[in-house]
């Protein structure tokens, strides 16, 4: 009985660690600041709205202020159609944190991750950017990378999940909501692989 219990605990730990690692790749985890190799500066930081939009924006601002890229691309339509777009709200937050307006570019039309990638791809192509850093919540990162990889096949994509996200912490597995997000993303990634994405 005790051996079976230990086995179940070890399986649960493996599932939790595996899911966390798979869903939340972080290409900058070993890069405290811009440098060479994998730590090279990018042409732009892309931040997608949704989930904890404020945390995502704050992460993009932190990267900008550390010198990772000269531009932040803010992507997201209005959640409430009667109000400003998510991109406009993100812009306001970034400017309040000291980012100059000239460093901010908005996509206010995207309502899905696929649309985020499509709209931002046009901006990237127009500016001739070859290397970007993608910022979103940890649970959303794997799917976002998949969508952006399709739209930006000739652009180097690096992932940077939020470090402080009210929906996704290191303890996500202790809440039903955390499991809902994790399993939901796995299903969406499966649909993407089958050619059906949102």
N, C-alpha and C. Protein backbone atom coordinates (compact mmCIF):
# COMPACT_ATOMS: atom_id res chain seq x y z
N UNK A 1 0.83 -1.22 0.00
CA UNK A 1 0.00 0.00 0.00
C UNK A 1 0.86 1.26 0.00
N UNK A 2 1.87 1.28 0.87
CA UNK A 2 2.73 2.47 0.96
C UNK A 2 3.51 2.66 -0.34
N UNK A 3 3.91 1.54 -0.96
CA UNK A 3 4.65 1.65 -2.22
C UNK A 3 3.77 2.21 -3.33
N UNK A 4 2.52 1.80 -3.34
CA UNK A 4 1.58 2.31 -4.34
C UNK A 4 1.36 3.81 -4.15
N UNK A 5 1.22 4.21 -2.89
CA UNK A 5 1.02 5.63 -2.58
C UNK A 5 2.22 6.46 -3.02
N UNK A 6 3.41 5.95 -2.73
CA UNK A 6 4.63 6.65 -3.14
C UNK A 6 4.70 6.75 -4.66
N UNK A 7 4.32 5.66 -5.33
CA UNK A 7 4.31 5.66 -6.78
C UNK A 7 3.36 6.69 -7.36
N UNK A 8 2.17 6.80 -6.77
CA UNK A 8 1.19 7.79 -7.23
C UNK A 8 1.70 9.22 -7.02
N UNK A 9 2.34 9.44 -5.88
CA UNK A 9 2.89 10.77 -5.59
C UNK A 9 3.97 11.12 -6.60
N UNK A 10 4.84 10.16 -6.91
CA UNK A 10 5.92 10.41 -7.87
C UNK A 10 5.36 10.69 -9.27
N UNK A 11 4.30 9.96 -9.65
CA UNK A 11 3.67 10.20 -10.94
C UNK A 11 3.05 11.59 -10.98
N UNK A 12 2.37 11.98 -9.89
CA UNK A 12 1.75 13.30 -9.82
C UNK A 12 2.80 14.41 -9.94
N UNK A 13 3.93 14.22 -9.26
CA UNK A 13 5.01 15.21 -9.32
C UNK A 13 5.55 15.31 -10.75
N UNK A 14 5.74 14.15 -11.39
CA UNK A 14 6.25 14.13 -12.76
C UNK A 14 5.30 14.85 -13.72
N UNK A 15 3.99 14.63 -13.54
CA UNK A 15 2.99 15.28 -14.39
C UNK A 15 3.02 16.80 -14.19
N UNK A 16 3.05 17.23 -12.94
CA UNK A 16 3.05 18.67 -12.63
C UNK A 16 4.30 19.35 -13.18
N UNK A 17 5.47 18.76 -12.91
CA UNK A 17 6.72 19.34 -13.39
C UNK A 17 6.77 19.34 -14.92
N UNK A 18 6.33 18.23 -15.51
CA UNK A 18 6.33 18.12 -16.96
C UNK A 18 5.43 19.14 -17.62
N UNK A 19 4.22 19.31 -17.08
CA UNK A 19 3.28 20.30 -17.62
C UNK A 19 3.84 21.72 -17.48
N UNK A 20 4.38 22.03 -16.31
CA UNK A 20 4.94 23.36 -16.08
C UNK A 20 6.05 23.66 -17.07
N UNK A 21 6.93 22.69 -17.26
CA UNK A 21 8.07 22.88 -18.16
C UNK A 21 7.61 22.99 -19.61
N UNK A 22 6.66 22.15 -20.00
CA UNK A 22 6.19 22.14 -21.39
C UNK A 22 5.43 23.41 -21.75
N UNK A 23 4.50 23.82 -20.89
CA UNK A 23 3.66 24.97 -21.22
C UNK A 23 4.40 26.30 -21.12
N UNK A 24 5.43 26.38 -20.29
CA UNK A 24 6.06 27.67 -19.98
C UNK A 24 7.54 27.74 -20.35
N UNK A 25 7.90 27.53 -21.62
CA UNK A 25 9.32 27.68 -21.98
C UNK A 25 9.78 29.11 -21.75
N UNK A 26 11.02 29.26 -21.30
CA UNK A 26 11.58 30.59 -21.03
C UNK A 26 12.99 30.65 -21.60
N UNK A 27 13.12 31.26 -22.77
CA UNK A 27 14.42 31.32 -23.44
C UNK A 27 15.39 32.32 -22.80
N UNK A 28 14.88 33.16 -21.92
CA UNK A 28 15.75 34.17 -21.29
C UNK A 28 16.08 33.84 -19.84
N UNK A 29 15.72 32.64 -19.39
CA UNK A 29 15.90 32.31 -17.97
C UNK A 29 17.37 32.38 -17.53
N UNK A 30 18.29 32.13 -18.45
CA UNK A 30 19.72 32.18 -18.12
C UNK A 30 20.36 33.49 -18.58
N UNK A 31 19.54 34.47 -18.89
CA UNK A 31 20.03 35.76 -19.40
C UNK A 31 19.56 36.90 -18.49
N UNK A 32 20.31 37.26 -17.46
CA UNK A 32 19.88 38.36 -16.61
C UNK A 32 19.84 39.71 -17.33
N UNK A 33 20.62 39.80 -18.40
CA UNK A 33 20.63 41.03 -19.21
C UNK A 33 21.08 40.68 -20.62
N UNK A 34 20.87 41.59 -21.58
CA UNK A 34 21.27 41.30 -22.97
C UNK A 34 22.77 41.05 -23.08
N UNK A 35 23.11 40.12 -23.96
CA UNK A 35 24.52 39.80 -24.17
C UNK A 35 24.71 39.19 -25.54
N UNK A 36 25.41 38.06 -25.60
CA UNK A 36 25.67 37.40 -26.86
C UNK A 36 24.92 36.07 -26.93
N UNK A 37 24.99 35.40 -28.08
CA UNK A 37 24.33 34.11 -28.24
C UNK A 37 22.83 34.20 -28.05
N UNK A 38 22.30 33.30 -27.23
CA UNK A 38 20.87 33.28 -26.95
C UNK A 38 20.41 34.55 -26.23
N UNK A 39 21.34 35.28 -25.68
CA UNK A 39 21.01 36.49 -24.91
C UNK A 39 21.13 37.77 -25.73
N UNK A 40 21.20 37.65 -27.05
CA UNK A 40 21.29 38.84 -27.90
C UNK A 40 20.03 39.68 -27.80
N UNK A 41 20.19 40.97 -28.02
CA UNK A 41 19.05 41.88 -28.06
C UNK A 41 18.13 41.51 -29.23
N UNK A 42 16.88 41.93 -29.11
CA UNK A 42 15.89 41.67 -30.16
C UNK A 42 15.49 42.99 -30.81
N UNK A 43 14.78 42.89 -31.93
CA UNK A 43 14.29 44.09 -32.60
C UNK A 43 13.01 44.60 -31.97
N UNK A 44 12.26 43.68 -31.31
CA UNK A 44 11.00 44.09 -30.68
C UNK A 44 10.59 43.09 -29.62
N UNK A 45 9.82 43.57 -28.67
CA UNK A 45 9.17 42.75 -27.66
C UNK A 45 7.69 42.73 -28.02
N UNK A 46 7.12 41.56 -28.15
CA UNK A 46 5.69 41.42 -28.46
C UNK A 46 4.98 40.99 -27.20
N UNK A 47 3.94 41.71 -26.82
CA UNK A 47 3.17 41.31 -25.64
C UNK A 47 1.70 41.17 -26.05
N UNK A 48 1.12 40.01 -25.68
CA UNK A 48 -0.25 39.68 -26.05
C UNK A 48 -1.17 39.92 -24.86
N UNK A 49 -2.31 40.55 -25.09
CA UNK A 49 -3.26 40.76 -24.00
C UNK A 49 -4.05 39.50 -23.72
N UNK A 50 -4.76 39.50 -22.59
CA UNK A 50 -5.54 38.34 -22.18
C UNK A 50 -5.03 37.83 -20.85
N UNK A 51 -5.86 37.09 -20.13
CA UNK A 51 -5.41 36.61 -18.83
C UNK A 51 -5.03 37.78 -17.94
N UNK A 52 -3.85 37.73 -17.36
CA UNK A 52 -3.36 38.83 -16.53
C UNK A 52 -2.60 39.82 -17.42
N UNK A 53 -3.36 40.65 -18.13
CA UNK A 53 -2.77 41.58 -19.09
C UNK A 53 -1.79 42.54 -18.43
N UNK A 54 -2.10 42.97 -17.22
CA UNK A 54 -1.20 43.90 -16.53
C UNK A 54 0.15 43.27 -16.25
N UNK A 55 0.14 42.00 -15.83
CA UNK A 55 1.41 41.30 -15.56
C UNK A 55 2.21 41.11 -16.84
N UNK A 56 1.52 40.81 -17.93
CA UNK A 56 2.20 40.63 -19.21
C UNK A 56 2.84 41.94 -19.66
N UNK A 57 2.09 43.03 -19.52
CA UNK A 57 2.62 44.34 -19.90
C UNK A 57 3.80 44.73 -19.03
N UNK A 58 3.69 44.47 -17.74
CA UNK A 58 4.78 44.80 -16.81
C UNK A 58 6.05 44.03 -17.17
N UNK A 59 5.90 42.78 -17.58
CA UNK A 59 7.07 41.98 -17.98
C UNK A 59 7.71 42.57 -19.23
N UNK A 60 6.90 42.99 -20.20
CA UNK A 60 7.42 43.59 -21.42
C UNK A 60 8.15 44.90 -21.11
N UNK A 61 7.56 45.69 -20.23
CA UNK A 61 8.18 46.96 -19.83
C UNK A 61 9.54 46.71 -19.16
N UNK A 62 9.58 45.71 -18.30
CA UNK A 62 10.84 45.38 -17.61
C UNK A 62 11.92 45.00 -18.61
N UNK A 63 11.53 44.21 -19.61
CA UNK A 63 12.50 43.82 -20.65
C UNK A 63 12.98 45.04 -21.44
N UNK A 64 12.05 45.93 -21.77
CA UNK A 64 12.40 47.15 -22.49
C UNK A 64 13.38 47.99 -21.67
N UNK A 65 13.08 48.15 -20.40
CA UNK A 65 13.92 49.00 -19.54
C UNK A 65 15.29 48.39 -19.27
N UNK A 66 15.39 47.06 -19.43
CA UNK A 66 16.68 46.39 -19.27
C UNK A 66 17.49 46.44 -20.56
N UNK A 67 16.87 46.92 -21.63
CA UNK A 67 17.59 47.09 -22.89
C UNK A 67 17.48 45.94 -23.86
N UNK A 68 16.46 45.09 -23.72
CA UNK A 68 16.33 43.93 -24.59
C UNK A 68 15.88 44.28 -26.01
N UNK A 69 15.14 45.35 -26.17
CA UNK A 69 14.68 45.75 -27.50
C UNK A 69 14.24 47.21 -27.47
N UNK A 70 14.29 47.89 -28.62
CA UNK A 70 13.91 49.31 -28.66
C UNK A 70 12.42 49.55 -28.84
N UNK A 71 11.66 48.48 -29.08
CA UNK A 71 10.24 48.63 -29.39
C UNK A 71 9.41 47.57 -28.67
N UNK A 72 8.22 47.97 -28.22
CA UNK A 72 7.25 47.03 -27.67
C UNK A 72 6.02 47.05 -28.57
N UNK A 73 5.62 45.88 -29.04
CA UNK A 73 4.39 45.75 -29.83
C UNK A 73 3.29 45.21 -28.91
N UNK A 74 2.23 46.00 -28.75
CA UNK A 74 1.13 45.68 -27.85
C UNK A 74 -0.03 45.15 -28.68
N UNK A 75 -0.45 43.92 -28.42
CA UNK A 75 -1.44 43.29 -29.29
C UNK A 75 -2.68 42.85 -28.52
N UNK A 76 -3.85 43.38 -28.93
CA UNK A 76 -5.10 42.95 -28.32
C UNK A 76 -6.25 43.91 -28.57
N UNK A 77 -7.38 43.36 -29.01
CA UNK A 77 -8.59 44.16 -29.20
C UNK A 77 -9.25 44.41 -27.85
N UNK A 78 -10.33 45.14 -27.86
CA UNK A 78 -11.05 45.45 -26.63
C UNK A 78 -11.81 44.22 -26.13
N UNK A 79 -11.64 43.92 -24.85
CA UNK A 79 -12.43 42.85 -24.24
C UNK A 79 -13.87 43.33 -24.12
N UNK A 80 -14.03 44.59 -23.74
CA UNK A 80 -15.34 45.24 -23.67
C UNK A 80 -15.44 46.19 -24.87
N UNK A 81 -16.28 45.85 -25.82
CA UNK A 81 -16.35 46.61 -27.08
C UNK A 81 -16.76 48.07 -26.88
N UNK A 82 -17.30 48.40 -25.72
CA UNK A 82 -17.71 49.78 -25.47
C UNK A 82 -16.55 50.62 -24.95
N UNK A 83 -15.44 49.98 -24.64
CA UNK A 83 -14.30 50.71 -24.09
C UNK A 83 -13.09 50.67 -25.00
N UNK A 84 -11.95 51.15 -24.50
CA UNK A 84 -10.72 51.15 -25.30
C UNK A 84 -10.21 49.73 -25.52
N UNK A 85 -9.36 49.58 -26.50
CA UNK A 85 -8.78 48.27 -26.77
C UNK A 85 -7.83 47.86 -25.64
N UNK A 86 -7.56 46.56 -25.57
CA UNK A 86 -6.57 46.09 -24.60
C UNK A 86 -5.21 46.70 -24.90
N UNK A 87 -4.90 46.83 -26.20
CA UNK A 87 -3.62 47.41 -26.59
C UNK A 87 -3.49 48.84 -26.08
N UNK A 88 -4.59 49.60 -26.13
CA UNK A 88 -4.57 50.99 -25.64
C UNK A 88 -4.35 51.02 -24.13
N UNK A 89 -4.99 50.09 -23.42
CA UNK A 89 -4.81 50.02 -21.96
C UNK A 89 -3.37 49.63 -21.63
N UNK A 90 -2.81 48.73 -22.40
CA UNK A 90 -1.41 48.32 -22.20
C UNK A 90 -0.47 49.48 -22.48
N UNK A 91 -0.80 50.25 -23.52
CA UNK A 91 0.03 51.42 -23.85
C UNK A 91 0.03 52.42 -22.70
N UNK A 92 -1.14 52.63 -22.13
CA UNK A 92 -1.26 53.56 -21.00
C UNK A 92 -0.40 53.09 -19.83
N UNK A 93 -0.44 51.80 -19.55
CA UNK A 93 0.36 51.23 -18.47
C UNK A 93 1.85 51.38 -18.75
N UNK A 94 2.25 51.11 -19.99
CA UNK A 94 3.66 51.21 -20.35
C UNK A 94 4.17 52.64 -20.26
N UNK A 95 3.37 53.58 -20.74
CA UNK A 95 3.76 54.99 -20.68
C UNK A 95 3.86 55.46 -19.23
N UNK A 96 2.93 54.99 -18.38
CA UNK A 96 2.97 55.36 -16.96
C UNK A 96 4.23 54.82 -16.29
N UNK A 97 4.77 53.73 -16.84
CA UNK A 97 5.99 53.14 -16.29
C UNK A 97 7.25 53.77 -16.88
N UNK A 98 7.07 54.74 -17.78
CA UNK A 98 8.21 55.47 -18.32
C UNK A 98 8.64 55.11 -19.71
N UNK A 99 7.90 54.24 -20.40
CA UNK A 99 8.25 53.89 -21.78
C UNK A 99 7.77 55.01 -22.69
N UNK A 100 8.63 55.57 -23.54
CA UNK A 100 8.20 56.66 -24.43
C UNK A 100 7.20 56.16 -25.47
N UNK A 101 6.30 57.05 -25.87
CA UNK A 101 5.28 56.69 -26.86
C UNK A 101 5.90 56.24 -28.17
N UNK A 102 7.07 56.77 -28.51
CA UNK A 102 7.73 56.43 -29.77
C UNK A 102 8.21 54.97 -29.79
N UNK A 103 8.29 54.34 -28.62
CA UNK A 103 8.76 52.95 -28.54
C UNK A 103 7.61 51.95 -28.56
N UNK A 104 6.37 52.47 -28.63
CA UNK A 104 5.20 51.61 -28.53
C UNK A 104 4.43 51.54 -29.84
N UNK A 105 4.10 50.33 -30.26
CA UNK A 105 3.33 50.09 -31.48
C UNK A 105 2.13 49.24 -31.08
N UNK A 106 0.94 49.60 -31.59
CA UNK A 106 -0.27 48.89 -31.19
C UNK A 106 -0.92 48.11 -32.32
N UNK A 107 -1.42 46.93 -31.98
CA UNK A 107 -2.35 46.18 -32.81
C UNK A 107 -3.64 46.10 -32.00
N UNK A 108 -4.68 46.78 -32.44
CA UNK A 108 -5.92 46.85 -31.69
C UNK A 108 -7.03 45.96 -32.27
N UNK A 109 -6.69 45.10 -33.21
CA UNK A 109 -7.72 44.32 -33.89
C UNK A 109 -7.80 42.85 -33.45
N UNK A 110 -6.73 42.33 -32.89
CA UNK A 110 -6.66 40.90 -32.60
C UNK A 110 -7.55 40.48 -31.43
N UNK A 111 -8.35 39.44 -31.66
CA UNK A 111 -9.23 38.91 -30.62
C UNK A 111 -8.85 37.49 -30.20
N UNK A 112 -7.97 36.85 -30.96
CA UNK A 112 -7.54 35.49 -30.65
C UNK A 112 -6.02 35.42 -30.77
N UNK A 113 -5.43 34.34 -30.27
CA UNK A 113 -3.99 34.17 -30.38
C UNK A 113 -3.56 34.10 -31.84
N UNK A 114 -4.34 33.41 -32.65
CA UNK A 114 -4.03 33.32 -34.08
C UNK A 114 -4.03 34.71 -34.72
N UNK A 115 -5.02 35.52 -34.38
CA UNK A 115 -5.09 36.87 -34.92
C UNK A 115 -3.95 37.73 -34.40
N UNK A 116 -3.55 37.54 -33.13
CA UNK A 116 -2.39 38.25 -32.60
C UNK A 116 -1.19 38.01 -33.51
N UNK A 117 -0.97 36.74 -33.83
CA UNK A 117 0.18 36.38 -34.66
C UNK A 117 0.06 36.97 -36.07
N UNK A 118 -1.12 36.90 -36.64
CA UNK A 118 -1.32 37.41 -38.00
C UNK A 118 -1.12 38.92 -38.08
N UNK A 119 -1.72 39.64 -37.16
CA UNK A 119 -1.62 41.11 -37.18
C UNK A 119 -0.20 41.58 -36.88
N UNK A 120 0.42 40.96 -35.89
CA UNK A 120 1.78 41.37 -35.52
C UNK A 120 2.77 41.02 -36.63
N UNK A 121 2.51 39.94 -37.35
CA UNK A 121 3.41 39.55 -38.46
C UNK A 121 3.53 40.68 -39.47
N UNK A 122 2.42 41.38 -39.73
CA UNK A 122 2.46 42.50 -40.67
C UNK A 122 3.35 43.62 -40.17
N UNK A 123 3.26 43.90 -38.88
CA UNK A 123 4.09 44.96 -38.28
C UNK A 123 5.57 44.58 -38.35
N UNK A 124 5.85 43.32 -38.03
CA UNK A 124 7.24 42.83 -38.03
C UNK A 124 7.82 42.91 -39.44
N UNK A 125 7.05 42.49 -40.44
CA UNK A 125 7.52 42.51 -41.82
C UNK A 125 7.76 43.94 -42.30
N UNK A 126 6.85 44.83 -41.93
CA UNK A 126 6.96 46.23 -42.33
C UNK A 126 8.22 46.88 -41.79
N UNK A 127 8.63 46.45 -40.61
CA UNK A 127 9.79 47.06 -39.96
C UNK A 127 11.08 46.26 -40.20
N UNK A 128 10.97 45.12 -40.86
CA UNK A 128 12.16 44.32 -41.16
C UNK A 128 12.82 43.73 -39.93
N UNK A 129 12.05 43.41 -38.92
CA UNK A 129 12.60 42.87 -37.67
C UNK A 129 12.87 41.38 -37.84
N UNK A 130 14.03 40.93 -37.37
CA UNK A 130 14.44 39.53 -37.54
C UNK A 130 14.51 38.74 -36.24
N UNK A 131 14.40 39.41 -35.11
CA UNK A 131 14.48 38.71 -33.83
C UNK A 131 13.50 39.38 -32.86
N UNK A 132 12.63 38.58 -32.22
CA UNK A 132 11.66 39.14 -31.28
C UNK A 132 11.61 38.32 -30.00
N UNK A 133 11.10 38.96 -28.96
CA UNK A 133 10.84 38.30 -27.69
C UNK A 133 9.34 38.32 -27.48
N UNK A 134 8.75 37.15 -27.27
CA UNK A 134 7.31 37.03 -27.09
C UNK A 134 6.97 36.92 -25.61
N UNK A 135 6.09 37.80 -25.15
CA UNK A 135 5.69 37.82 -23.74
C UNK A 135 4.21 37.47 -23.60
N UNK A 136 3.92 36.50 -22.77
CA UNK A 136 2.55 36.15 -22.41
C UNK A 136 2.60 35.37 -21.11
N UNK A 137 1.44 34.94 -20.62
CA UNK A 137 1.40 34.15 -19.39
C UNK A 137 2.02 32.78 -19.64
N UNK A 138 2.55 32.17 -18.58
CA UNK A 138 3.22 30.88 -18.71
C UNK A 138 2.36 29.80 -19.33
N UNK A 139 1.11 29.69 -18.89
CA UNK A 139 0.24 28.64 -19.41
C UNK A 139 -0.06 28.81 -20.89
N UNK A 140 0.05 30.03 -21.40
CA UNK A 140 -0.32 30.37 -22.78
C UNK A 140 0.87 30.35 -23.74
N UNK A 141 2.08 30.27 -23.20
CA UNK A 141 3.28 30.49 -24.00
C UNK A 141 3.48 29.45 -25.11
N UNK A 142 3.29 28.17 -24.81
CA UNK A 142 3.55 27.14 -25.82
C UNK A 142 2.65 27.33 -27.05
N UNK A 143 1.37 27.59 -26.82
CA UNK A 143 0.44 27.78 -27.95
C UNK A 143 0.74 29.07 -28.69
N UNK A 144 1.08 30.12 -27.95
CA UNK A 144 1.41 31.39 -28.60
C UNK A 144 2.64 31.22 -29.50
N UNK A 145 3.64 30.51 -29.02
CA UNK A 145 4.83 30.26 -29.84
C UNK A 145 4.47 29.51 -31.11
N UNK A 146 3.57 28.53 -30.99
CA UNK A 146 3.17 27.76 -32.16
C UNK A 146 2.50 28.64 -33.20
N UNK A 147 1.58 29.50 -32.76
CA UNK A 147 0.87 30.38 -33.69
C UNK A 147 1.83 31.39 -34.33
N UNK A 148 2.71 31.97 -33.53
CA UNK A 148 3.64 32.97 -34.06
C UNK A 148 4.69 32.34 -34.98
N UNK A 149 5.07 31.10 -34.69
CA UNK A 149 6.05 30.42 -35.54
C UNK A 149 5.52 30.25 -36.96
N UNK A 150 4.23 30.00 -37.08
CA UNK A 150 3.61 29.84 -38.40
C UNK A 150 3.64 31.16 -39.17
N UNK A 151 3.32 32.25 -38.48
CA UNK A 151 3.23 33.56 -39.14
C UNK A 151 4.59 34.24 -39.33
N UNK A 152 5.57 33.84 -38.53
CA UNK A 152 6.90 34.47 -38.60
C UNK A 152 7.97 33.41 -38.82
N UNK A 153 7.91 32.68 -39.95
CA UNK A 153 8.84 31.57 -40.15
C UNK A 153 10.31 31.98 -40.28
N UNK A 154 10.55 33.22 -40.66
CA UNK A 154 11.92 33.68 -40.86
C UNK A 154 12.40 34.62 -39.76
N UNK A 155 11.66 34.64 -38.65
CA UNK A 155 12.01 35.50 -37.53
C UNK A 155 12.38 34.64 -36.33
N UNK A 156 13.46 34.98 -35.65
CA UNK A 156 13.85 34.24 -34.45
C UNK A 156 12.92 34.63 -33.29
N UNK A 157 12.23 33.64 -32.76
CA UNK A 157 11.29 33.86 -31.66
C UNK A 157 11.89 33.39 -30.35
N UNK A 158 11.85 34.24 -29.34
CA UNK A 158 12.29 33.80 -28.01
C UNK A 158 11.17 34.03 -27.01
N UNK A 159 10.97 33.06 -26.17
CA UNK A 159 9.86 33.09 -25.21
C UNK A 159 10.27 33.70 -23.88
N UNK A 160 9.38 34.53 -23.35
CA UNK A 160 9.58 35.07 -21.99
C UNK A 160 8.21 35.11 -21.30
N UNK A 161 7.87 34.09 -20.52
CA UNK A 161 6.60 34.11 -19.79
C UNK A 161 6.66 35.11 -18.63
N UNK A 162 5.49 35.56 -18.20
CA UNK A 162 5.43 36.49 -17.08
C UNK A 162 6.02 35.84 -15.83
N UNK A 163 6.70 36.64 -15.03
CA UNK A 163 7.28 36.12 -13.79
C UNK A 163 6.31 36.24 -12.62
N UNK A 164 5.37 37.16 -12.72
CA UNK A 164 4.35 37.33 -11.67
C UNK A 164 2.99 37.41 -12.36
N UNK A 165 2.22 36.34 -12.27
CA UNK A 165 0.94 36.25 -12.96
C UNK A 165 -0.10 35.75 -11.98
N UNK A 166 -1.18 36.51 -11.82
CA UNK A 166 -2.18 36.13 -10.81
C UNK A 166 -2.92 34.84 -11.17
N UNK A 167 -2.86 34.44 -12.44
CA UNK A 167 -3.53 33.21 -12.87
C UNK A 167 -2.60 32.00 -12.94
N UNK A 168 -1.28 32.25 -12.88
CA UNK A 168 -0.35 31.14 -13.12
C UNK A 168 0.94 31.35 -12.32
N UNK A 169 1.04 30.70 -11.18
CA UNK A 169 2.24 30.77 -10.36
C UNK A 169 2.87 29.38 -10.31
N UNK A 170 3.93 29.25 -9.56
CA UNK A 170 4.57 27.94 -9.39
C UNK A 170 3.63 26.96 -8.69
N UNK A 171 2.61 27.50 -8.05
CA UNK A 171 1.67 26.67 -7.29
C UNK A 171 0.34 26.50 -8.03
N UNK A 172 0.34 26.65 -9.35
CA UNK A 172 -0.89 26.56 -10.14
C UNK A 172 -1.64 25.25 -9.90
N UNK A 173 -0.91 24.18 -9.66
CA UNK A 173 -1.50 22.84 -9.53
C UNK A 173 -2.30 22.64 -8.25
N UNK A 174 -2.26 23.63 -7.35
CA UNK A 174 -3.02 23.52 -6.10
C UNK A 174 -4.45 24.02 -6.25
N UNK A 175 -4.80 24.58 -7.40
CA UNK A 175 -6.14 25.14 -7.59
C UNK A 175 -6.84 24.51 -8.79
N UNK A 176 -8.16 24.37 -8.72
CA UNK A 176 -8.91 23.88 -9.88
C UNK A 176 -8.71 24.78 -11.11
N UNK A 177 -8.61 26.10 -10.88
CA UNK A 177 -8.42 27.04 -11.99
C UNK A 177 -7.10 26.77 -12.70
N UNK A 178 -6.05 26.46 -11.94
CA UNK A 178 -4.76 26.15 -12.54
C UNK A 178 -4.84 24.94 -13.45
N UNK A 179 -5.55 23.91 -13.00
CA UNK A 179 -5.73 22.71 -13.83
C UNK A 179 -6.61 23.00 -15.04
N UNK A 180 -7.60 23.84 -14.85
CA UNK A 180 -8.47 24.23 -15.97
C UNK A 180 -7.65 24.90 -17.07
N UNK A 181 -6.75 25.82 -16.66
CA UNK A 181 -5.90 26.50 -17.63
C UNK A 181 -4.95 25.53 -18.32
N UNK A 182 -4.30 24.67 -17.53
CA UNK A 182 -3.31 23.74 -18.08
C UNK A 182 -3.95 22.76 -19.06
N UNK A 183 -5.03 22.13 -18.65
CA UNK A 183 -5.69 21.15 -19.51
C UNK A 183 -6.31 21.84 -20.73
N UNK A 184 -6.88 23.03 -20.51
CA UNK A 184 -7.45 23.79 -21.62
C UNK A 184 -6.40 24.11 -22.67
N UNK A 185 -5.21 24.51 -22.23
CA UNK A 185 -4.15 24.82 -23.19
C UNK A 185 -3.68 23.58 -23.93
N UNK A 186 -3.60 22.45 -23.23
CA UNK A 186 -3.20 21.21 -23.89
C UNK A 186 -4.20 20.84 -24.99
N UNK A 187 -5.48 21.04 -24.72
CA UNK A 187 -6.50 20.76 -25.73
C UNK A 187 -6.37 21.71 -26.92
N UNK A 188 -6.13 22.99 -26.63
CA UNK A 188 -5.98 23.96 -27.72
C UNK A 188 -4.72 23.69 -28.55
N UNK A 189 -3.66 23.26 -27.89
CA UNK A 189 -2.44 22.91 -28.61
C UNK A 189 -2.70 21.70 -29.52
N UNK A 190 -3.49 20.75 -29.02
CA UNK A 190 -3.85 19.59 -29.83
C UNK A 190 -4.67 20.00 -31.05
N UNK A 191 -5.60 20.92 -30.85
CA UNK A 191 -6.41 21.42 -31.97
C UNK A 191 -5.53 22.15 -32.98
N UNK A 192 -4.57 22.91 -32.47
CA UNK A 192 -3.63 23.61 -33.37
C UNK A 192 -2.87 22.60 -34.22
N UNK A 193 -2.42 21.52 -33.59
CA UNK A 193 -1.66 20.49 -34.31
C UNK A 193 -2.51 19.83 -35.38
N UNK A 194 -3.84 19.80 -35.14
CA UNK A 194 -4.76 19.21 -36.11
C UNK A 194 -5.22 20.22 -37.16
N UNK A 195 -4.72 21.46 -37.04
CA UNK A 195 -5.07 22.48 -38.02
C UNK A 195 -6.27 23.30 -37.66
N UNK A 196 -6.72 23.19 -36.40
CA UNK A 196 -7.88 23.98 -35.92
C UNK A 196 -7.37 24.83 -34.78
N UNK A 197 -7.35 26.16 -34.96
CA UNK A 197 -6.85 27.04 -33.90
C UNK A 197 -7.68 28.28 -33.79
N UNK A 198 -7.56 28.93 -32.63
CA UNK A 198 -8.30 30.18 -32.38
C UNK A 198 -7.32 31.31 -32.14
